[in-house]
Protein backbone atom coordinates (compact mmCIF):
# COMPACT_ATOMS: atom_id res chain seq x y z
CA MET A 1 0.00 0.00 0.00
CA GLN A 2 1.33 3.41 -0.98
CA ARG A 3 2.13 5.71 1.94
CA LEU A 4 1.10 9.34 2.04
CA ASN A 5 3.77 11.99 2.39
CA PRO A 6 4.28 12.86 6.08
CA THR A 7 2.42 16.19 5.87
CA LEU A 8 -0.64 14.66 4.25
CA GLU A 9 -0.55 11.70 6.61
CA ALA A 10 -0.39 14.04 9.63
CA ARG A 11 -3.35 16.05 8.28
CA GLU A 12 -5.31 12.85 7.62
CA ASN A 13 -4.66 11.60 11.15
CA ARG A 14 -5.54 14.96 12.72
CA LEU A 15 -8.79 15.29 10.77
CA ARG A 16 -9.74 11.69 11.52
CA ASP A 17 -9.05 12.16 15.23
CA LEU A 18 -11.13 15.36 15.29
CA MET A 19 -13.99 13.70 13.42
CA VAL A 20 -14.00 10.66 15.68
CA ALA A 21 -14.02 12.93 18.74
CA ALA A 22 -16.84 14.96 17.18
CA GLN A 23 -18.86 11.80 16.55
CA ARG A 24 -18.50 11.05 20.26
CA GLY A 25 -19.99 14.45 21.09
CA ASP A 26 -16.88 16.65 21.52
CA ALA A 27 -18.15 20.05 20.34
CA ALA A 28 -14.71 21.70 20.53
CA ALA A 29 -13.20 18.97 18.32
CA TYR A 30 -16.06 19.38 15.85
CA ALA A 31 -15.56 23.16 15.69
CA GLU A 32 -11.83 22.66 15.04
CA PHE A 33 -12.59 20.00 12.43
CA LEU A 34 -14.92 22.42 10.60
CA ARG A 35 -12.36 25.28 10.77
CA GLU A 36 -9.70 23.09 9.19
CA LEU A 37 -12.18 21.76 6.67
CA VAL A 38 -13.11 25.27 5.50
CA ALA A 39 -9.50 25.94 4.48
CA LEU A 40 -9.24 22.61 2.65
CA LEU A 41 -12.53 23.12 0.84
CA ARG A 42 -11.65 26.65 -0.27
CA GLY A 43 -8.43 25.38 -1.82
CA PHE A 44 -10.17 22.42 -3.43
CA PHE A 45 -12.91 24.56 -5.02
CA ARG A 46 -10.66 27.48 -5.98
CA ARG A 47 -8.43 25.14 -7.98
CA ARG A 48 -11.44 23.75 -9.82
CA LEU A 49 -13.52 26.89 -10.24
CA THR A 50 -10.99 29.32 -11.67
CA GLN A 51 -13.63 30.52 -14.13
CA LEU A 52 -16.32 30.78 -11.41
CA PRO A 53 -14.61 32.31 -8.35
CA ASP A 54 -17.90 33.72 -7.03
CA GLU A 55 -19.22 30.20 -6.53
CA VAL A 56 -16.44 29.06 -4.17
CA GLU A 57 -17.88 30.34 -0.87
CA ASP A 58 -21.39 29.09 -1.65
CA LEU A 59 -19.98 25.67 -2.47
CA VAL A 60 -17.89 25.64 0.72
CA GLN A 61 -21.03 26.35 2.76
CA GLU A 62 -23.10 23.73 0.92
CA THR A 63 -20.37 21.15 1.47
CA LEU A 64 -20.07 21.99 5.16
CA LEU A 65 -23.81 21.51 5.49
CA ALA A 66 -23.63 18.16 3.69
CA VAL A 67 -20.72 17.05 5.92
CA HIS A 68 -22.72 18.07 8.98
CA ASN A 69 -25.81 16.20 7.81
CA LYS A 70 -23.81 13.07 6.86
CA ARG A 71 -21.26 13.07 9.70
CA HIS A 72 -22.88 9.99 11.21
CA THR A 73 -22.03 8.02 8.05
CA TYR A 74 -18.27 8.46 8.44
CA GLU A 75 -16.54 5.18 9.31
CA PRO A 76 -13.38 5.81 11.40
CA SER A 77 -11.61 2.86 9.73
CA GLN A 78 -11.75 4.75 6.40
CA PRO A 79 -9.67 7.79 5.38
CA VAL A 80 -11.61 10.91 6.35
CA THR A 81 -10.14 12.91 3.47
CA ALA A 82 -11.50 10.40 0.93
CA TRP A 83 -14.94 10.69 2.54
CA LEU A 84 -14.71 14.49 2.49
CA HIS A 85 -13.43 14.53 -1.08
CA ALA A 86 -16.41 12.48 -2.25
CA ILE A 87 -18.86 14.90 -0.64
CA ALA A 88 -17.06 17.95 -2.05
CA ARG A 89 -16.85 16.38 -5.49
CA TYR A 90 -20.57 15.62 -5.57
CA LYS A 91 -21.36 19.20 -4.51
CA LEU A 92 -19.11 20.48 -7.30
CA ILE A 93 -20.80 18.18 -9.81
CA ASP A 94 -24.23 19.37 -8.62
CA LEU A 95 -23.18 22.99 -9.15
CA LEU A 96 -21.75 22.37 -12.60
CA ARG A 97 -24.77 20.33 -13.63
CA ALA A 98 -27.16 23.05 -12.46
CA ARG A 99 -25.15 25.74 -14.24
CA SER A 100 -24.98 23.79 -17.48
CA SER A 101 -28.73 23.27 -17.45
CA ARG A 102 -29.23 27.02 -17.08
CA GLU A 103 -26.56 28.14 -19.53
CA ALA A 104 -25.90 27.41 -23.16
CA LEU A 105 -25.70 23.67 -23.67
CA HIS A 106 -24.47 23.93 -27.24
CA GLU A 107 -21.13 25.58 -26.63
CA PRO A 108 -18.79 24.79 -29.53
CA LEU A 109 -15.63 22.78 -28.93
CA ASP A 110 -12.53 24.87 -29.40
CA ASP A 111 -8.94 25.09 -28.22
CA ASP A 112 -9.99 26.30 -24.76
CA HIS A 113 -11.62 22.96 -23.97
CA PRO A 114 -9.64 19.98 -22.69
CA ALA A 115 -8.82 17.32 -25.23
CA LEU A 116 -11.52 14.78 -25.84
CA GLY A 117 -10.78 11.53 -24.10
CA SER A 118 -8.74 13.17 -21.34
CA GLU A 119 -8.26 11.27 -18.12
CA SER A 120 -10.80 13.34 -16.17
CA GLU A 121 -13.32 12.95 -18.95
CA SER A 122 -12.79 9.18 -18.95
CA ALA A 123 -13.28 9.06 -15.20
CA ALA A 124 -16.45 11.12 -15.52
CA LEU A 125 -17.81 8.81 -18.22
CA GLU A 126 -17.03 5.78 -16.08
CA ALA A 127 -18.74 7.38 -13.09
CA ARG A 128 -21.82 8.18 -15.21
CA ARG A 129 -22.01 4.55 -16.37
CA ASP A 130 -21.71 3.33 -12.77
CA VAL A 131 -24.46 5.69 -11.61
CA ALA A 132 -26.65 4.76 -14.57
CA SER A 133 -26.32 1.04 -13.84
CA LEU A 134 -27.10 1.56 -10.15
CA LEU A 135 -30.08 3.78 -11.00
CA ALA A 136 -31.39 1.16 -13.41
CA GLU A 137 -31.72 -1.24 -10.47
CA LEU A 138 -34.11 1.10 -8.64
CA PRO A 139 -37.89 1.02 -9.07
CA ASP A 140 -39.37 3.85 -11.16
CA LYS A 141 -40.85 5.63 -8.13
CA GLN A 142 -37.29 6.12 -6.83
CA ARG A 143 -35.29 6.28 -10.05
CA LEU A 144 -37.40 8.92 -11.82
CA PRO A 145 -37.40 11.44 -8.95
CA ILE A 146 -33.62 11.09 -8.58
CA LEU A 147 -33.09 11.57 -12.31
CA CYS A 148 -35.31 14.65 -12.43
CA VAL A 149 -34.43 16.37 -9.15
CA LYS A 150 -30.80 15.40 -8.59
CA LEU A 151 -29.47 14.94 -12.11
CA GLU A 152 -31.60 17.29 -14.22
CA GLY A 153 -32.03 19.93 -11.52
CA LEU A 154 -35.82 20.10 -11.74
CA SER A 155 -37.85 21.25 -8.76
CA VAL A 156 -40.01 18.84 -6.81
CA ALA A 157 -43.12 20.44 -8.35
CA GLN A 158 -41.74 20.12 -11.89
CA THR A 159 -40.80 16.50 -11.22
CA ALA A 160 -44.26 15.74 -9.85
CA GLN A 161 -45.83 17.23 -12.97
CA ARG A 162 -43.50 15.33 -15.29
CA THR A 163 -43.80 11.94 -13.56
CA GLY A 164 -47.41 12.08 -12.39
CA LEU A 165 -46.32 11.48 -8.79
CA SER A 166 -47.42 13.72 -5.93
CA GLU A 167 -44.86 16.17 -4.57
CA SER A 168 -44.58 14.20 -1.35
CA ALA A 169 -44.07 10.98 -3.36
CA VAL A 170 -41.25 12.71 -5.25
CA LYS A 171 -39.57 13.74 -1.98
CA VAL A 172 -39.97 10.25 -0.53
CA GLY A 173 -38.72 8.69 -3.79
CA VAL A 174 -35.58 10.83 -3.78
CA HIS A 175 -34.90 10.10 -0.12
CA ARG A 176 -35.48 6.35 -0.35
CA GLY A 177 -33.73 6.10 -3.70
CA LEU A 178 -30.60 7.85 -2.45
CA LYS A 179 -30.62 5.64 0.61
CA ALA A 180 -30.92 2.54 -1.60
CA LEU A 181 -28.11 3.79 -3.88
CA ALA A 182 -25.85 4.37 -0.88
CA ALA A 183 -26.52 0.83 0.32
CA LYS A 184 -25.80 -0.59 -3.14
CA MET A 185 -22.54 1.37 -3.32
CA ARG A 186 -21.44 0.09 0.09
CA ASN A 187 -22.11 -3.48 -1.03
CA LYS A 188 -20.11 -3.21 -4.28
């Protein structure tokens, strides 16, 4: 197994220790964990949103909220930075997906775009295939609300109108579907 450089390993250990203490109810450790996380998230998003610097702080706040809401799912035997990176990455994807649905979708390819078939594009395609195959395993009453609300960025009301489900059924479908997807991902 490849070892982290000493600085990264020390940061990983410190964040893990703070998170574990926070999960046990240590409010001071949780506050310190969040302070350190803010700095990490700002750097992460600034590097990726050079063209959208105004979005960085909003994304930091959204990610902090997601971390807070999902803190009970962190497993201390796993690297905390990998868990945090996954949450931050999904928040970034949500932002970019929402922006692309609101902005011009037919932007021409030119020299300013990364080369087709780049490594990040390949990883994104692979991730989309994985998500698509997991979604295909869900019943329609869970799959359709997730597709509409989470992937297409539609509101609950728009999704209800499109699918014929009630608004409460859409909310329940998203919640149960995401829970089912998480369970499927843990089992793979």
